[in-house]
Amino acid sequence: MKWMFATACAAAISLALTPTADAKGCIKGAIVGGVAGHIAGHGKLGAAAGCVVGHHEANKADANKANAQAPADQK
């Protein structure tokens, strides 16, 4: 279980240290993950994993919005 926590922390730190990364989705994911993890007895692990998943989902939503706004005038 410690290796899962260490992996989640390393992933969260690596995302936090990138200069172009923003916290979009991380805060919301950390709150939801922290609550779910607290219920399961692993609040910090849930918060770290929630941050990673929330950040990933926010980036995926941004990519989908960018693709939807692309011009549809292709012949």
C-alpha atoms as a PDB file:
ATOM      1  CA  MET A   1       0.000   0.000   0.000  1.00  0.00           C
ATOM      2  CA  LYS A   2       2.929   2.326   0.645  1.00  0.00           C
ATOM      3  CA  TRP A   3       4.131   1.982  -2.955  1.00  0.00           C
ATOM      4  CA  MET A   4       0.706   3.125  -4.214  1.00  0.00           C
ATOM      5  CA  PHE A   5       0.871   6.206  -2.005  1.00  0.00           C
ATOM      6  CA  ALA A   6       4.433   6.927  -3.085  1.00  0.00           C
ATOM      7  CA  THR A   7       3.497   6.541  -6.757  1.00  0.00           C
ATOM      8  CA  ALA A   8       0.477   8.816  -6.431  1.00  0.00           C
ATOM      9  CA  CYS A   9       2.527  11.417  -4.573  1.00  0.00           C
ATOM     10  CA  ALA A  10       5.293  11.272  -7.172  1.00  0.00           C
ATOM     11  CA  ALA A  11       2.761  11.728  -9.965  1.00  0.00           C
ATOM     12  CA  ALA A  12       1.110  14.655  -8.195  1.00  0.00           C
ATOM     13  CA  ILE A  13       4.461  16.299  -7.511  1.00  0.00           C
ATOM     14  CA  SER A  14       5.636  15.815 -11.086  1.00  0.00           C
ATOM     15  CA  LEU A  15       2.451  17.456 -12.345  1.00  0.00           C
ATOM     16  CA  ALA A  16       2.852  20.277  -9.858  1.00  0.00           C
ATOM     17  CA  LEU A  17       6.460  20.979 -10.838  1.00  0.00           C
ATOM     18  CA  THR A  18       5.894  21.348 -14.567  1.00  0.00           C
ATOM     19  CA  PRO A  19       6.012  25.048 -15.489  1.00  0.00           C
ATOM     20  CA  THR A  20       3.000  24.956 -17.816  1.00  0.00           C
ATOM     21  CA  ALA A  21       0.747  22.889 -15.549  1.00  0.00           C
ATOM     22  CA  ASP A  22      -2.186  24.568 -13.910  1.00  0.00           C
ATOM     23  CA  ALA A  23      -4.438  23.262 -11.176  1.00  0.00           C
ATOM     24  CA  LYS A  24      -7.445  22.869 -13.432  1.00  0.00           C
ATOM     25  CA  GLY A  25      -9.385  19.878 -12.158  1.00  0.00           C
ATOM     26  CA  CYS A  26      -6.865  19.046  -9.451  1.00  0.00           C
ATOM     27  CA  ILE A  27      -8.607  20.818  -6.586  1.00  0.00           C
ATOM     28  CA  LYS A  28     -12.022  19.378  -7.383  1.00  0.00           C
ATOM     29  CA  GLY A  29     -10.562  15.887  -7.888  1.00  0.00           C
ATOM     30  CA  ALA A  30      -8.544  16.111  -4.682  1.00  0.00           C
ATOM     31  CA  ILE A  31     -11.636  17.012  -2.671  1.00  0.00           C
ATOM     32  CA  VAL A  32     -13.716  14.187  -4.134  1.00  0.00           C
ATOM     33  CA  GLY A  33     -10.838  11.706  -3.894  1.00  0.00           C
ATOM     34  CA  GLY A  34     -10.011  12.778  -0.353  1.00  0.00           C
ATOM     35  CA  VAL A  35     -13.582  12.224   0.806  1.00  0.00           C
ATOM     36  CA  ALA A  36     -13.795   8.849  -0.916  1.00  0.00           C
ATOM     37  CA  GLY A  37     -10.376   7.874   0.409  1.00  0.00           C
ATOM     38  CA  HIS A  38     -11.320   8.982   3.915  1.00  0.00           C
ATOM     39  CA  ILE A  39     -14.323   6.682   3.847  1.00  0.00           C
ATOM     40  CA  ALA A  40     -12.061   3.825   2.735  1.00  0.00           C
ATOM     41  CA  GLY A  41      -9.415   4.765   5.320  1.00  0.00           C
ATOM     42  CA  HIS A  42      -6.876   6.250   2.875  1.00  0.00           C
ATOM     43  CA  GLY A  43      -7.659   9.957   2.674  1.00  0.00           C
ATOM     44  CA  LYS A  44      -4.264  11.204   1.502  1.00  0.00           C
ATOM     45  CA  LEU A  45      -3.962   8.537  -1.162  1.00  0.00           C
ATOM     46  CA  GLY A  46      -7.470   9.333  -2.377  1.00  0.00           C
ATOM     47  CA  ALA A  47      -6.702  13.047  -2.526  1.00  0.00           C
ATOM     48  CA  ALA A  48      -3.498  12.508  -4.500  1.00  0.00           C
ATOM     49  CA  ALA A  49      -5.158  10.114  -6.920  1.00  0.00           C
ATOM     50  CA  GLY A  50      -8.178  12.408  -7.230  1.00  0.00           C
ATOM     51  CA  CYS A  51      -5.906  15.302  -8.136  1.00  0.00           C
ATOM     52  CA  VAL A  52      -4.200  13.281 -10.863  1.00  0.00           C
ATOM     53  CA  VAL A  53      -7.491  11.999 -12.287  1.00  0.00           C
ATOM     54  CA  GLY A  54      -9.170  15.408 -12.068  1.00  0.00           C
ATOM     55  CA  HIS A  55      -6.270  17.075 -13.859  1.00  0.00           C
ATOM     56  CA  HIS A  56      -6.346  14.412 -16.577  1.00  0.00           C
ATOM     57  CA  GLU A  57     -10.107  14.772 -17.079  1.00  0.00           C
ATOM     58  CA  ALA A  58      -9.839  18.576 -17.280  1.00  0.00           C
ATOM     59  CA  ASN A  59      -7.156  18.303 -19.955  1.00  0.00           C
ATOM     60  CA  LYS A  60      -9.261  15.780 -21.864  1.00  0.00           C
ATOM     61  CA  ALA A  61     -12.273  18.117 -21.729  1.00  0.00           C
ATOM     62  CA  ASP A  62     -10.146  21.010 -23.022  1.00  0.00           C
ATOM     63  CA  ALA A  63      -8.923  18.878 -25.922  1.00  0.00           C
ATOM     64  CA  ASN A  64     -12.497  17.898 -26.796  1.00  0.00           C
ATOM     65  CA  LYS A  65     -13.565  21.571 -26.777  1.00  0.00           C
ATOM     66  CA  ALA A  66     -10.672  22.476 -29.072  1.00  0.00           C
ATOM     67  CA  ASN A  67     -11.629  19.704 -31.501  1.00  0.00           C
ATOM     68  CA  ALA A  68     -15.287  20.753 -31.444  1.00  0.00           C
ATOM     69  CA  GLN A  69     -14.367  24.320 -32.371  1.00  0.00           C
ATOM     70  CA  ALA A  70     -12.312  23.251 -35.386  1.00  0.00           C
ATOM     71  CA  PRO A  71     -13.811  24.343 -38.701  1.00  0.00           C
ATOM     72  CA  ALA A  72     -16.130  21.720 -40.160  1.00  0.00           C
ATOM     73  CA  ASP A  73     -15.721  23.040 -43.701  1.00  0.00           C
ATOM     74  CA  GLN A  74     -13.657  20.168 -45.088  1.00  0.00           C
ATOM     75  CA  LYS A  75     -14.330  18.869 -48.594  1.00  0.00           C
END
